[in-house]
Amino acid sequence: AGTVTIGTKFDQPGFGLLNPRTQEPEGFDVEIAKLVAA
C-alpha cells in the first residue's frame, strides 16, 4: 500500500505533540513509530 496509519497523541510534549506551525506530530512516540514504518 505504501502507507501506514498510526495513532498517536497530539498533546503530550516530548512524546506526541502537534506542532502548531507544521501541523505535524513530534516526539519520542512519533519517532519510534517512524522507525517501524521505515
Full PDB file with SEQRES, HELIX, SHEET, SSBOND, CRYST1, ORIGX, SCALE, CONECT and MASTER records, all heavy atoms in Angstrom:
SEQRES   1 A   38  ALA GLY THR VAL THR ILE GLY THR LYS PHE ASP GLN PRO          
SEQRES   2 A   38  GLY PHE GLY LEU LEU ASN PRO ARG THR GLN GLU PRO GLU          
SEQRES   3 A   38  GLY PHE ASP VAL GLU ILE ALA LYS LEU VAL ALA ALA              
HELIX    1 AA1 PHE A   28  ALA A   37  1                                  10    
SHEET    1 AA1 3 ASP A  11  GLN A  12  0                                        
SHEET    2 AA1 3 GLY A  16  LEU A  18 -1                                        
SHEET    3 AA1 3 PRO A  25  GLU A  26 -1                                        
CRYST1    1.000    1.000    1.000  90.00  90.00  90.00 P 1           1          
ORIGX1      1.000000  0.000000  0.000000        0.00000                         
ORIGX2      0.000000  1.000000  0.000000        0.00000                         
ORIGX3      0.000000  0.000000  1.000000        0.00000                         
SCALE1      1.000000  0.000000  0.000000        0.00000                         
SCALE2      0.000000  1.000000  0.000000        0.00000                         
SCALE3      0.000000  0.000000  1.000000        0.00000                         
ATOM      1  N   ALA A   1       0.827  -1.212   0.000  1.00  0.00           N  
ATOM      2  CA  ALA A   1       0.000   0.000   0.000  1.00  0.00           C  
ATOM      3  C   ALA A   1       0.857   1.257   0.000  1.00  0.00           C  
ATOM      4  O   ALA A   1       0.429   2.315  -0.482  1.00  0.00           O  
ATOM      5  CB  ALA A   1      -0.925  -0.005   1.208  1.00  0.00           C  
ATOM      6  N   GLY A   2       2.059   1.162   0.552  1.00  0.00           N  
ATOM      7  CA  GLY A   2       2.950   2.317   0.588  1.00  0.00           C  
ATOM      8  C   GLY A   2       2.586   3.338   1.641  1.00  0.00           C  
ATOM      9  O   GLY A   2       3.083   4.470   1.614  1.00  0.00           O  
ATOM     10  N   THR A   3       1.728   2.958   2.571  1.00  0.00           N  
ATOM     11  CA  THR A   3       1.317   3.875   3.631  1.00  0.00           C  
ATOM     12  C   THR A   3       0.921   3.078   4.854  1.00  0.00           C  
ATOM     13  O   THR A   3       0.598   1.883   4.761  1.00  0.00           O  
ATOM     14  CB  THR A   3       0.145   4.767   3.173  1.00  0.00           C  
ATOM     15  OG1 THR A   3      -0.146   5.732   4.194  1.00  0.00           O  
ATOM     16  CG2 THR A   3      -1.097   3.940   2.896  1.00  0.00           C  
ATOM     17  N   VAL A   4       0.955   3.736   6.000  1.00  0.00           N  
ATOM     18  CA  VAL A   4       0.532   3.127   7.257  1.00  0.00           C  
ATOM     19  C   VAL A   4      -0.169   4.203   8.074  1.00  0.00           C  
ATOM     20  O   VAL A   4       0.221   5.373   8.052  1.00  0.00           O  
ATOM     21  CB  VAL A   4       1.739   2.530   8.038  1.00  0.00           C  
ATOM     22  CG1 VAL A   4       2.775   3.588   8.362  1.00  0.00           C  
ATOM     23  CG2 VAL A   4       1.277   1.817   9.303  1.00  0.00           C  
ATOM     24  N   THR A   5      -1.232   3.823   8.776  1.00  0.00           N  
ATOM     25  CA  THR A   5      -1.962   4.756   9.627  1.00  0.00           C  
ATOM     26  C   THR A   5      -1.579   4.495  11.072  1.00  0.00           C  
ATOM     27  O   THR A   5      -1.746   3.382  11.579  1.00  0.00           O  
ATOM     28  CB  THR A   5      -3.481   4.603   9.454  1.00  0.00           C  
ATOM     29  OG1 THR A   5      -3.820   4.829   8.083  1.00  0.00           O  
ATOM     30  CG2 THR A   5      -4.233   5.603  10.319  1.00  0.00           C  
ATOM     31  N   ILE A   6      -1.065   5.521  11.714  1.00  0.00           N  
ATOM     32  CA  ILE A   6      -0.526   5.376  13.067  1.00  0.00           C  
ATOM     33  C   ILE A   6      -1.257   6.317  14.017  1.00  0.00           C  
ATOM     34  O   ILE A   6      -1.368   7.514  13.759  1.00  0.00           O  
ATOM     35  CB  ILE A   6       0.979   5.677  13.101  1.00  0.00           C  
ATOM     36  CG1 ILE A   6       1.733   4.718  12.163  1.00  0.00           C  
ATOM     37  CG2 ILE A   6       1.526   5.580  14.524  1.00  0.00           C  
ATOM     38  CD1 ILE A   6       3.215   5.022  12.023  1.00  0.00           C  
ATOM     39  N   GLY A   7      -1.729   5.766  15.130  1.00  0.00           N  
ATOM     40  CA  GLY A   7      -2.359   6.573  16.156  1.00  0.00           C  
ATOM     41  C   GLY A   7      -1.327   7.070  17.148  1.00  0.00           C  
ATOM     42  O   GLY A   7      -0.473   6.313  17.606  1.00  0.00           O  
ATOM     43  N   THR A   8      -1.390   8.351  17.468  1.00  0.00           N  
ATOM     44  CA  THR A   8      -0.506   8.927  18.478  1.00  0.00           C  
ATOM     45  C   THR A   8      -1.243  10.060  19.162  1.00  0.00           C  
ATOM     46  O   THR A   8      -2.335  10.455  18.744  1.00  0.00           O  
ATOM     47  CB  THR A   8       0.822   9.408  17.862  1.00  0.00           C  
ATOM     48  OG1 THR A   8       1.783   9.611  18.898  1.00  0.00           O  
ATOM     49  CG2 THR A   8       0.637  10.688  17.059  1.00  0.00           C  
ATOM     50  N   LYS A   9      -0.661  10.596  20.200  1.00  0.00           N  
ATOM     51  CA  LYS A   9      -1.283  11.712  20.903  1.00  0.00           C  
ATOM     52  C   LYS A   9      -0.782  13.031  20.330  1.00  0.00           C  
ATOM     53  O   LYS A   9       0.311  13.118  19.799  1.00  0.00           O  
ATOM     54  CB  LYS A   9      -1.017  11.613  22.404  1.00  0.00           C  
ATOM     55  CG  LYS A   9      -1.763  10.451  23.045  1.00  0.00           C  
ATOM     56  CD  LYS A   9      -1.679  10.465  24.548  1.00  0.00           C  
ATOM     57  CE  LYS A   9      -2.536   9.343  25.128  1.00  0.00           C  
ATOM     58  NZ  LYS A   9      -2.473   9.320  26.615  1.00  0.00           N  
ATOM     59  N   PHE A  10      -1.624  14.044  20.464  1.00  0.00           N  
ATOM     60  CA  PHE A  10      -1.292  15.360  19.936  1.00  0.00           C  
ATOM     61  C   PHE A  10      -1.046  16.383  21.045  1.00  0.00           C  
ATOM     62  O   PHE A  10      -0.846  17.564  20.753  1.00  0.00           O  
ATOM     63  CB  PHE A  10      -2.433  15.875  19.043  1.00  0.00           C  
ATOM     64  CG  PHE A  10      -2.496  15.250  17.668  1.00  0.00           C  
ATOM     65  CD1 PHE A  10      -1.665  14.207  17.301  1.00  0.00           C  
ATOM     66  CD2 PHE A  10      -3.408  15.722  16.730  1.00  0.00           C  
ATOM     67  CE1 PHE A  10      -1.731  13.639  16.039  1.00  0.00           C  
ATOM     68  CE2 PHE A  10      -3.486  15.160  15.461  1.00  0.00           C  
ATOM     69  CZ  PHE A  10      -2.642  14.121  15.113  1.00  0.00           C  
ATOM     70  N   ASP A  11      -1.084  15.947  22.324  1.00  0.00           N  
ATOM     71  CA  ASP A  11      -0.964  16.917  23.411  1.00  0.00           C  
ATOM     72  C   ASP A  11       0.040  16.482  24.470  1.00  0.00           C  
ATOM     73  O   ASP A  11      -0.039  16.913  25.613  1.00  0.00           O  
ATOM     74  CB  ASP A  11      -2.333  17.166  24.060  1.00  0.00           C  
ATOM     75  CG  ASP A  11      -2.776  16.007  24.946  1.00  0.00           C  
ATOM     76  OD1 ASP A  11      -2.494  14.842  24.576  1.00  0.00           O  
ATOM     77  OD2 ASP A  11      -3.397  16.261  25.996  1.00  0.00           O  
ATOM     78  N   GLN A  12       1.014  15.649  24.089  1.00  0.00           N  
ATOM     79  CA  GLN A  12       1.991  15.130  25.036  1.00  0.00           C  
ATOM     80  C   GLN A  12       3.385  15.664  24.704  1.00  0.00           C  
ATOM     81  O   GLN A  12       4.097  15.071  23.871  1.00  0.00           O  
ATOM     82  CB  GLN A  12       2.029  13.602  24.985  1.00  0.00           C  
ATOM     83  CG  GLN A  12       0.662  12.958  25.057  1.00  0.00           C  
ATOM     84  CD  GLN A  12       0.139  12.838  26.461  1.00  0.00           C  
ATOM     85  OE1 GLN A  12       0.433  11.891  27.149  1.00  0.00           O  
ATOM     86  NE2 GLN A  12      -0.628  13.812  26.886  1.00  0.00           N  
ATOM     87  N   PRO A  13       3.810  16.781  25.306  1.00  0.00           N  
ATOM     88  CA  PRO A  13       5.133  17.331  24.999  1.00  0.00           C  
ATOM     89  C   PRO A  13       6.229  16.289  25.177  1.00  0.00           C  
ATOM     90  O   PRO A  13       6.293  15.597  26.191  1.00  0.00           O  
ATOM     91  CB  PRO A  13       5.277  18.468  26.018  1.00  0.00           C  
ATOM     92  CG  PRO A  13       3.874  18.865  26.340  1.00  0.00           C  
ATOM     93  CD  PRO A  13       3.084  17.584  26.302  1.00  0.00           C  
ATOM     94  N   GLY A  14       7.086  16.174  24.169  1.00  0.00           N  
ATOM     95  CA  GLY A  14       8.198  15.241  24.221  1.00  0.00           C  
ATOM     96  C   GLY A  14       7.885  13.865  23.687  1.00  0.00           C  
ATOM     97  O   GLY A  14       8.783  13.125  23.305  1.00  0.00           O  
ATOM     98  N   PHE A  15       6.608  13.489  23.639  1.00  0.00           N  
ATOM     99  CA  PHE A  15       6.235  12.152  23.187  1.00  0.00           C  
ATOM    100  C   PHE A  15       5.324  12.189  21.961  1.00  0.00           C  
ATOM    101  O   PHE A  15       5.572  11.469  20.993  1.00  0.00           O  
ATOM    102  CB  PHE A  15       5.582  11.361  24.327  1.00  0.00           C  
ATOM    103  CG  PHE A  15       6.584  10.643  25.177  1.00  0.00           C  
ATOM    104  CD1 PHE A  15       7.413  11.340  26.038  1.00  0.00           C  
ATOM    105  CD2 PHE A  15       6.735   9.271  25.100  1.00  0.00           C  
ATOM    106  CE1 PHE A  15       8.369  10.695  26.815  1.00  0.00           C  
ATOM    107  CE2 PHE A  15       7.679   8.607  25.865  1.00  0.00           C  
ATOM    108  CZ  PHE A  15       8.501   9.318  26.721  1.00  0.00           C  
ATOM    109  N   GLY A  16       4.292  12.990  21.999  1.00  0.00           N  
ATOM    110  CA  GLY A  16       3.409  13.118  20.846  1.00  0.00           C  
ATOM    111  C   GLY A  16       2.684  14.442  20.916  1.00  0.00           C  
ATOM    112  O   GLY A  16       1.688  14.576  21.631  1.00  0.00           O  
ATOM    113  N   LEU A  17       3.194  15.423  20.207  1.00  0.00           N  
ATOM    114  CA  LEU A  17       2.654  16.779  20.285  1.00  0.00           C  
ATOM    115  C   LEU A  17       2.516  17.363  18.881  1.00  0.00           C  
ATOM    116  O   LEU A  17       3.445  17.301  18.083  1.00  0.00           O  
ATOM    117  CB  LEU A  17       3.578  17.666  21.122  1.00  0.00           C  
ATOM    118  CG  LEU A  17       3.125  19.112  21.343  1.00  0.00           C  
ATOM    119  CD1 LEU A  17       1.866  19.153  22.195  1.00  0.00           C  
ATOM    120  CD2 LEU A  17       4.238  19.918  22.027  1.00  0.00           C  
ATOM    121  N   LEU A  18       1.343  17.917  18.589  1.00  0.00           N  
ATOM    122  CA  LEU A  18       1.124  18.528  17.284  1.00  0.00           C  
ATOM    123  C   LEU A  18       1.818  19.882  17.230  1.00  0.00           C  
ATOM    124  O   LEU A  18       1.515  20.782  18.022  1.00  0.00           O  
ATOM    125  CB  LEU A  18      -0.375  18.697  17.024  1.00  0.00           C  
ATOM    126  CG  LEU A  18      -0.749  19.089  15.595  1.00  0.00           C  
ATOM    127  CD1 LEU A  18      -0.495  17.935  14.632  1.00  0.00           C  
ATOM    128  CD2 LEU A  18      -2.210  19.524  15.514  1.00  0.00           C  
ATOM    129  N   ASN A  19       2.781  20.005  16.328  1.00  0.00           N  
ATOM    130  CA  ASN A  19       3.473  21.275  16.146  1.00  0.00           C  
ATOM    131  C   ASN A  19       2.510  22.261  15.491  1.00  0.00           C  
ATOM    132  O   ASN A  19       2.022  22.012  14.389  1.00  0.00           O  
ATOM    133  CB  ASN A  19       4.712  21.071  15.262  1.00  0.00           C  
ATOM    134  CG  ASN A  19       5.566  22.315  15.155  1.00  0.00           C  
ATOM    135  OD1 ASN A  19       5.076  23.408  14.912  1.00  0.00           O  
ATOM    136  ND2 ASN A  19       6.866  22.137  15.318  1.00  0.00           N  
ATOM    137  N   PRO A  20       2.215  23.392  16.139  1.00  0.00           N  
ATOM    138  CA  PRO A  20       1.223  24.320  15.586  1.00  0.00           C  
ATOM    139  C   PRO A  20       1.657  24.992  14.296  1.00  0.00           C  
ATOM    140  O   PRO A  20       0.825  25.468  13.535  1.00  0.00           O  
ATOM    141  CB  PRO A  20       1.027  25.335  16.715  1.00  0.00           C  
ATOM    142  CG  PRO A  20       2.314  25.298  17.473  1.00  0.00           C  
ATOM    143  CD  PRO A  20       2.776  23.864  17.410  1.00  0.00           C  
ATOM    144  N   ARG A  21       2.956  25.007  14.045  1.00  0.00           N  
ATOM    145  CA  ARG A  21       3.448  25.644  12.822  1.00  0.00           C  
ATOM    146  C   ARG A  21       3.435  24.690  11.632  1.00  0.00           C  
ATOM    147  O   ARG A  21       3.036  25.054  10.537  1.00  0.00           O  
ATOM    148  CB  ARG A  21       4.856  26.194  13.047  1.00  0.00           C  
ATOM    149  CG  ARG A  21       4.911  27.361  14.018  1.00  0.00           C  
ATOM    150  CD  ARG A  21       6.322  27.883  14.165  1.00  0.00           C  
ATOM    151  NE  ARG A  21       7.210  26.859  14.715  1.00  0.00           N  
ATOM    152  CZ  ARG A  21       8.529  26.975  14.774  1.00  0.00           C  
ATOM    153  NH1 ARG A  21       9.125  28.052  14.277  1.00  0.00           N  
ATOM    154  NH2 ARG A  21       9.265  26.018  15.307  1.00  0.00           N  
ATOM    155  N   THR A  22       3.877  23.455  11.872  1.00  0.00           N  
ATOM    156  CA  THR A  22       3.948  22.498  10.769  1.00  0.00           C  
ATOM    157  C   THR A  22       2.713  21.622  10.663  1.00  0.00           C  
ATOM    158  O   THR A  22       2.512  20.967   9.651  1.00  0.00           O  
ATOM    159  CB  THR A  22       5.166  21.563  10.957  1.00  0.00           C  
ATOM    160  OG1 THR A  22       4.968  20.763  12.127  1.00  0.00           O  
ATOM    161  CG2 THR A  22       6.448  22.369  11.104  1.00  0.00           C  
ATOM    162  N   GLN A  23       1.887  21.606  11.745  1.00  0.00           N  
ATOM    163  CA  GLN A  23       0.717  20.732  11.809  1.00  0.00           C  
ATOM    164  C   GLN A  23       1.099  19.260  11.672  1.00  0.00           C  
ATOM    165  O   GLN A  23       0.354  18.454  11.120  1.00  0.00           O  
ATOM    166  CB  GLN A  23      -0.316  21.126  10.742  1.00  0.00           C  
ATOM    167  CG  GLN A  23      -1.005  22.451  11.026  1.00  0.00           C  
ATOM    168  CD  GLN A  23      -1.792  22.427  12.331  1.00  0.00           C  
ATOM    169  OE1 GLN A  23      -2.767  21.697  12.473  1.00  0.00           O  
ATOM    170  NE2 GLN A  23      -1.356  23.231  13.292  1.00  0.00           N  
ATOM    171  N   GLU A  24       2.278  18.912  12.188  1.00  0.00           N  
ATOM    172  CA  GLU A  24       2.736  17.531  12.211  1.00  0.00           C  
ATOM    173  C   GLU A  24       3.053  17.134  13.652  1.00  0.00           C  
ATOM    174  O   GLU A  24       3.578  17.937  14.421  1.00  0.00           O  
ATOM    175  CB  GLU A  24       3.996  17.364  11.349  1.00  0.00           C  
ATOM    176  CG  GLU A  24       3.764  17.648   9.870  1.00  0.00           C  
ATOM    177  CD  GLU A  24       5.033  17.505   9.052  1.00  0.00           C  
ATOM    178  OE1 GLU A  24       6.097  17.256   9.678  1.00  0.00           O  
ATOM    179  OE2 GLU A  24       4.982  17.652   7.827  1.00  0.00           O  
ATOM    180  N   PRO A  25       2.767  15.887  14.027  1.00  0.00           N  
ATOM    181  CA  PRO A  25       3.088  15.453  15.390  1.00  0.00           C  
ATOM    182  C   PRO A  25       4.581  15.214  15.540  1.00  0.00           C  
ATOM    183  O   PRO A  25       5.254  14.791  14.607  1.00  0.00           O  
ATOM    184  CB  PRO A  25       2.293  14.151  15.546  1.00  0.00           C  
ATOM    185  CG  PRO A  25       2.188  13.622  14.149  1.00  0.00           C  
ATOM    186  CD  PRO A  25       2.101  14.821  13.256  1.00  0.00           C  
ATOM    187  N   GLU A  26       5.092  15.486  16.741  1.00  0.00           N  
ATOM    188  CA  GLU A  26       6.512  15.323  17.033  1.00  0.00           C  
ATOM    189  C   GLU A  26       6.662  14.702  18.411  1.00  0.00           C  
ATOM    190  O   GLU A  26       5.820  14.902  19.290  1.00  0.00           O  
ATOM    191  CB  GLU A  26       7.232  16.684  17.015  1.00  0.00           C  
ATOM    192  CG  GLU A  26       7.196  17.378  15.667  1.00  0.00           C  
ATOM    193  CD  GLU A  26       7.757  18.789  15.726  1.00  0.00           C  
ATOM    194  OE1 GLU A  26       7.809  19.353  16.840  1.00  0.00           O  
ATOM    195  OE2 GLU A  26       8.132  19.325  14.680  1.00  0.00           O  
ATOM    196  N   GLY A  27       7.737  13.961  18.612  1.00  0.00           N  
ATOM    197  CA  GLY A  27       8.004  13.402  19.925  1.00  0.00           C  
ATOM    198  C   GLY A  27       8.577  12.002  19.844  1.00  0.00           C  
ATOM    199  O   GLY A  27       8.751  11.430  18.759  1.00  0.00           O  
ATOM    200  N   PHE A  28       8.880  11.446  20.994  1.00  0.00           N  
ATOM    201  CA  PHE A  28       9.524  10.139  21.075  1.00  0.00           C  
ATOM    202  C   PHE A  28       8.624   9.041  20.521  1.00  0.00           C  
ATOM    203  O   PHE A  28       9.082   8.182  19.754  1.00  0.00           O  
ATOM    204  CB  PHE A  28       9.901   9.849  22.523  1.00  0.00           C  
ATOM    205  CG  PHE A  28      10.764   8.627  22.701  1.00  0.00           C  
ATOM    206  CD1 PHE A  28      11.979   8.502  22.043  1.00  0.00           C  
ATOM    207  CD2 PHE A  28      10.366   7.601  23.540  1.00  0.00           C  
ATOM    208  CE1 PHE A  28      12.789   7.381  22.218  1.00  0.00           C  
ATOM    209  CE2 PHE A  28      11.159   6.475  23.726  1.00  0.00           C  
ATOM    210  CZ  PHE A  28      12.366   6.366  23.061  1.00  0.00           C  
ATOM    211  N   ASP A  29       7.342   9.040  20.899  1.00  0.00           N  
ATOM    212  CA  ASP A  29       6.416   8.052  20.333  1.00  0.00           C  
ATOM    213  C   ASP A  29       6.405   8.130  18.814  1.00  0.00           C  
ATOM    214  O   ASP A  29       6.401   7.108  18.121  1.00  0.00           O  
ATOM    215  CB  ASP A  29       4.987   8.301  20.839  1.00  0.00           C  
ATOM    216  CG  ASP A  29       4.789   7.881  22.281  1.00  0.00           C  
ATOM    217  OD1 ASP A  29       5.601   7.098  22.803  1.00  0.00           O  
ATOM    218  OD2 ASP A  29       3.807   8.347  22.886  1.00  0.00           O  
ATOM    219  N   VAL A  30       6.367   9.349  18.306  1.00  0.00           N  
ATOM    220  CA  VAL A  30       6.308   9.575  16.861  1.00  0.00           C  
ATOM    221  C   VAL A  30       7.564   9.014  16.186  1.00  0.00           C  
ATOM    222  O   VAL A  30       7.480   8.341  15.144  1.00  0.00           O  
ATOM    223  CB  VAL A  30       6.154  11.077  16.558  1.00  0.00           C  
ATOM    224  CG1 VAL A  30       6.259  11.352  15.059  1.00  0.00           C  
ATOM    225  CG2 VAL A  30       4.817  11.587  17.098  1.00  0.00           C  
ATOM    226  N   GLU A  31       8.726   9.265  16.774  1.00  0.00           N  
ATOM    227  CA  GLU A  31       9.970   8.791  16.178  1.00  0.00           C  
ATOM    228  C   GLU A  31      10.070   7.264  16.224  1.00  0.00           C  
ATOM    229  O   GLU A  31      10.570   6.640  15.282  1.00  0.00           O  
ATOM    230  CB  GLU A  31      11.169   9.418  16.894  1.00  0.00           C  
ATOM    231  CG  GLU A  31      11.303  10.916  16.673  1.00  0.00           C  
ATOM    232  CD  GLU A  31      11.400  11.277  15.200  1.00  0.00           C  
ATOM    233  OE1 GLU A  31      12.272  10.712  14.510  1.00  0.00           O  
ATOM    234  OE2 GLU A  31      10.588  12.106  14.742  1.00  0.00           O  
ATOM    235  N   ILE A  32       9.599   6.657  17.307  1.00  0.00           N  
ATOM    236  CA  ILE A  32       9.607   5.195  17.385  1.00  0.00           C  
ATOM    237  C   ILE A  32       8.698   4.617  16.304  1.00  0.00           C  
ATOM    238  O   ILE A  32       9.048   3.633  15.621  1.00  0.00           O  
ATOM    239  CB  ILE A  32       9.157   4.728  18.781  1.00  0.00           C  
ATOM    240  CG1 ILE A  32      10.185   5.142  19.839  1.00  0.00           C  
ATOM    241  CG2 ILE A  32       8.933   3.218  18.802  1.00  0.00           C  
ATOM    242  CD1 ILE A  32      11.568   4.554  19.644  1.00  0.00           C  
ATOM    243  N   ALA A  33       7.538   5.228  16.117  1.00  0.00           N  
ATOM    244  CA  ALA A  33       6.621   4.760  15.078  1.00  0.00           C  
ATOM    245  C   ALA A  33       7.238   4.925  13.687  1.00  0.00           C  
ATOM    246  O   ALA A  33       7.048   4.075  12.803  1.00  0.00           O  
ATOM    247  CB  ALA A  33       5.302   5.523  15.169  1.00  0.00           C  
ATOM    248  N   LYS A  34       7.981   5.990  13.480  1.00  0.00           N  
ATOM    249  CA  LYS A  34       8.647   6.197  12.188  1.00  0.00           C  
ATOM    250  C   LYS A  34       9.679   5.110  11.918  1.00  0.00           C  
ATOM    251  O   LYS A  34       9.866   4.697  10.763  1.00  0.00           O  
ATOM    252  CB  LYS A  34       9.321   7.574  12.154  1.00  0.00           C  
ATOM    253  CG  LYS A  34       8.371   8.749  12.000  1.00  0.00           C  
ATOM    254  CD  LYS A  34       9.172  10.046  11.979  1.00  0.00           C  
ATOM    255  CE  LYS A  34       8.281  11.267  11.860  1.00  0.00           C  
ATOM    256  NZ  LYS A  34       9.072  12.531  11.885  1.00  0.00           N  
ATOM    257  N   LEU A  35      10.358   4.643  12.975  1.00  0.00           N  
ATOM    258  CA  LEU A  35      11.326   3.566  12.795  1.00  0.00           C  
ATOM    259  C   LEU A  35      10.638   2.294  12.308  1.00  0.00           C  
ATOM    260  O   LEU A  35      11.170   1.583  11.446  1.00  0.00           O  
ATOM    261  CB  LEU A  35      12.048   3.283  14.117  1.00  0.00           C  
ATOM    262  CG  LEU A  35      13.010   4.366  14.632  1.00  0.00           C  
ATOM    263  CD1 LEU A  35      13.534   3.983  16.007  1.00  0.00           C  
ATOM    264  CD2 LEU A  35      14.172   4.567  13.663  1.00  0.00           C  
ATOM    265  N   VAL A  36       9.456   2.010  12.841  1.00  0.00           N  
ATOM    266  CA  VAL A  36       8.698   0.845  12.402  1.00  0.00           C  
ATOM    267  C   VAL A  36       8.266   1.013  10.949  1.00  0.00           C  
ATOM    268  O   VAL A  36       8.405   0.100  10.130  1.00  0.00           O  
ATOM    269  CB  VAL A  36       7.473   0.611  13.306  1.00  0.00           C  
ATOM    270  CG1 VAL A  36       6.624  -0.537  12.783  1.00  0.00           C  
ATOM    271  CG2 VAL A  36       7.920   0.332  14.740  1.00  0.00           C  
ATOM    272  N   ALA A  37       7.752   2.197  10.621  1.00  0.00           N  
ATOM    273  CA  ALA A  37       7.322   2.459   9.247  1.00  0.00           C  
ATOM    274  C   ALA A  37       8.491   2.311   8.280  1.00  0.00           C  
ATOM    275  O   ALA A  37       8.341   1.746   7.188  1.00  0.00           O  
ATOM    276  CB  ALA A  37       6.722   3.860   9.149  1.00  0.00           C  
ATOM    277  N   ALA A  38       9.657   2.827   8.675  1.00  0.00           N  
ATOM    278  CA  ALA A  38      10.827   2.751   7.798  1.00  0.00           C  
ATOM    279  C   ALA A  38      11.191   1.310   7.487  1.00  0.00           C  
ATOM    280  O   ALA A  38      11.561   0.975   6.351  1.00  0.00           O  
ATOM    281  CB  ALA A  38      12.010   3.475   8.437  1.00  0.00           C  
TER     282      ALA A  38                                                      
MASTER        0    0    0    1    3    0    0    6  281    1    0    3          
END                                                                             
